[in-house]
Structure formats: C-alpha cells, structure tokens
Amino acid sequence: NVTFTIDELAIMGDDTAYALTRSNGTQTVLATGDESAESNREIFLFRRTGADDWKIARYMFNKPE
C-alpha cells in the first residue's frame, strides 16, 4: 500500500523523459504477513518505443533517511 507523488516530470527530447517521485506507505510480505513502513525517493527514465508508447528504461531509488 504505497502512494507515489510526482515531483517533476519532463520530456527531454523526442524519445526520452524522466520523473522524480517520492513514495510513502506500507509494504506487506505475502509469505509471512509482516508489514513495514516504506519510504523512498525515485527517478524513472523513460524511452519512447512507439508513437504513444513509453517504457521504463531505468529506475533508481534511495531511502530519504
């Protein structure tokens, strides 16, 4: 149960874009039912693969604390 907030979204050319995001919430391990807090900062790099199709080319995250 994680919510993403988009802080920045930019198209860098005809076939490249990026998004800077933050995520907060809880994650559950399905095998055990254990829950824990989840909080990250992320960057997504997108590549256009067709006229209206974008795919995630790279993804990176880190913990804010």
C-alpha atoms as a PDB file:
ATOM      1  CA  ASN A   1       0.000   0.000   0.000  1.00  0.00           C
ATOM      2  CA  VAL A   2       2.364   2.685  -1.296  1.00  0.00           C
ATOM      3  CA  THR A   3       1.433   6.093  -2.725  1.00  0.00           C
ATOM      4  CA  PHE A   4       3.647   7.861  -5.255  1.00  0.00           C
ATOM      5  CA  THR A   5       3.913  11.656  -5.514  1.00  0.00           C
ATOM      6  CA  ILE A   6       5.307  13.056  -8.764  1.00  0.00           C
ATOM      7  CA  ASP A   7       7.614  15.995  -8.001  1.00  0.00           C
ATOM      8  CA  GLU A   8       8.887  16.578 -11.527  1.00  0.00           C
ATOM      9  CA  LEU A   9       8.099  15.175 -14.963  1.00  0.00           C
ATOM     10  CA  ALA A  10       9.982  16.332 -18.051  1.00  0.00           C
ATOM     11  CA  ILE A  11      10.273  15.286 -21.685  1.00  0.00           C
ATOM     12  CA  MET A  12      13.902  15.627 -22.711  1.00  0.00           C
ATOM     13  CA  GLY A  13      13.508  15.104 -26.456  1.00  0.00           C
ATOM     14  CA  ASP A  14      11.553  13.030 -28.915  1.00  0.00           C
ATOM     15  CA  ASP A  15      12.187   9.743 -27.144  1.00  0.00           C
ATOM     16  CA  THR A  16      13.425  10.412 -23.595  1.00  0.00           C
ATOM     17  CA  ALA A  17      11.661  11.592 -20.424  1.00  0.00           C
ATOM     18  CA  TYR A  18      12.179  11.381 -16.691  1.00  0.00           C
ATOM     19  CA  ALA A  19      10.136  11.564 -13.500  1.00  0.00           C
ATOM     20  CA  LEU A  20      11.292  12.391  -9.975  1.00  0.00           C
ATOM     21  CA  THR A  21       8.965  10.894  -7.374  1.00  0.00           C
ATOM     22  CA  ARG A  22       8.539  10.182  -3.676  1.00  0.00           C
ATOM     23  CA  SER A  23       6.740   7.154  -2.253  1.00  0.00           C
ATOM     24  CA  ASN A  24       5.344   6.506   1.217  1.00  0.00           C
ATOM     25  CA  GLY A  25       3.214   3.794   2.720  1.00  0.00           C
ATOM     26  CA  THR A  26       3.418   0.245   3.998  1.00  0.00           C
ATOM     27  CA  GLN A  27       4.543  -2.967   2.382  1.00  0.00           C
ATOM     28  CA  THR A  28       3.409  -6.475   3.283  1.00  0.00           C
ATOM     29  CA  VAL A  29       5.440  -9.658   2.856  1.00  0.00           C
ATOM     30  CA  LEU A  30       2.843 -12.023   1.427  1.00  0.00           C
ATOM     31  CA  ALA A  31       4.573 -15.180   2.706  1.00  0.00           C
ATOM     32  CA  THR A  32       4.531 -14.054   6.351  1.00  0.00           C
ATOM     33  CA  GLY A  33       2.040 -11.179   6.542  1.00  0.00           C
ATOM     34  CA  ASP A  34       4.700  -8.929   8.109  1.00  0.00           C
ATOM     35  CA  GLU A  35       4.152  -5.213   7.441  1.00  0.00           C
ATOM     36  CA  SER A  36       6.750  -2.459   7.454  1.00  0.00           C
ATOM     37  CA  ALA A  37       6.947   1.223   6.597  1.00  0.00           C
ATOM     38  CA  GLU A  38       8.140   2.082   3.101  1.00  0.00           C
ATOM     39  CA  SER A  39       9.550   5.460   2.056  1.00  0.00           C
ATOM     40  CA  ASN A  40      11.725   6.199  -0.983  1.00  0.00           C
ATOM     41  CA  ARG A  41      12.812   8.831  -3.462  1.00  0.00           C
ATOM     42  CA  GLU A  42      12.832   7.585  -7.050  1.00  0.00           C
ATOM     43  CA  ILE A  43      13.930   8.557 -10.521  1.00  0.00           C
ATOM     44  CA  PHE A  44      12.401   6.931 -13.582  1.00  0.00           C
ATOM     45  CA  LEU A  45      13.964   7.297 -17.034  1.00  0.00           C
ATOM     46  CA  PHE A  46      11.543   6.574 -19.884  1.00  0.00           C
ATOM     47  CA  ARG A  47      12.184   5.763 -23.551  1.00  0.00           C
ATOM     48  CA  ARG A  48       9.574   6.106 -26.282  1.00  0.00           C
ATOM     49  CA  THR A  49       9.064   2.778 -28.043  1.00  0.00           C
ATOM     50  CA  GLY A  50       6.247   3.792 -30.384  1.00  0.00           C
ATOM     51  CA  ALA A  51       4.063   6.742 -31.332  1.00  0.00           C
ATOM     52  CA  ASP A  52       2.314   6.821 -27.939  1.00  0.00           C
ATOM     53  CA  ASP A  53       4.202   4.089 -26.078  1.00  0.00           C
ATOM     54  CA  TRP A  54       6.695   4.835 -23.277  1.00  0.00           C
ATOM     55  CA  LYS A  55       8.585   2.206 -21.282  1.00  0.00           C
ATOM     56  CA  ILE A  56      10.708   2.483 -18.161  1.00  0.00           C
ATOM     57  CA  ALA A  57      14.329   2.284 -19.325  1.00  0.00           C
ATOM     58  CA  ARG A  58      15.985   2.851 -15.919  1.00  0.00           C
ATOM     59  CA  TYR A  59      14.799   3.077 -12.319  1.00  0.00           C
ATOM     60  CA  MET A  60      16.733   4.110  -9.233  1.00  0.00           C
ATOM     61  CA  PHE A  61      15.673   4.748  -5.647  1.00  0.00           C
ATOM     62  CA  ASN A  62      17.110   5.623  -2.259  1.00  0.00           C
ATOM     63  CA  LYS A  63      15.860   5.984   1.279  1.00  0.00           C
ATOM     64  CA  PRO A  64      15.399   9.585   2.446  1.00  0.00           C
ATOM     65  CA  GLU A  65      16.615   8.881   5.999  1.00  0.00           C
END
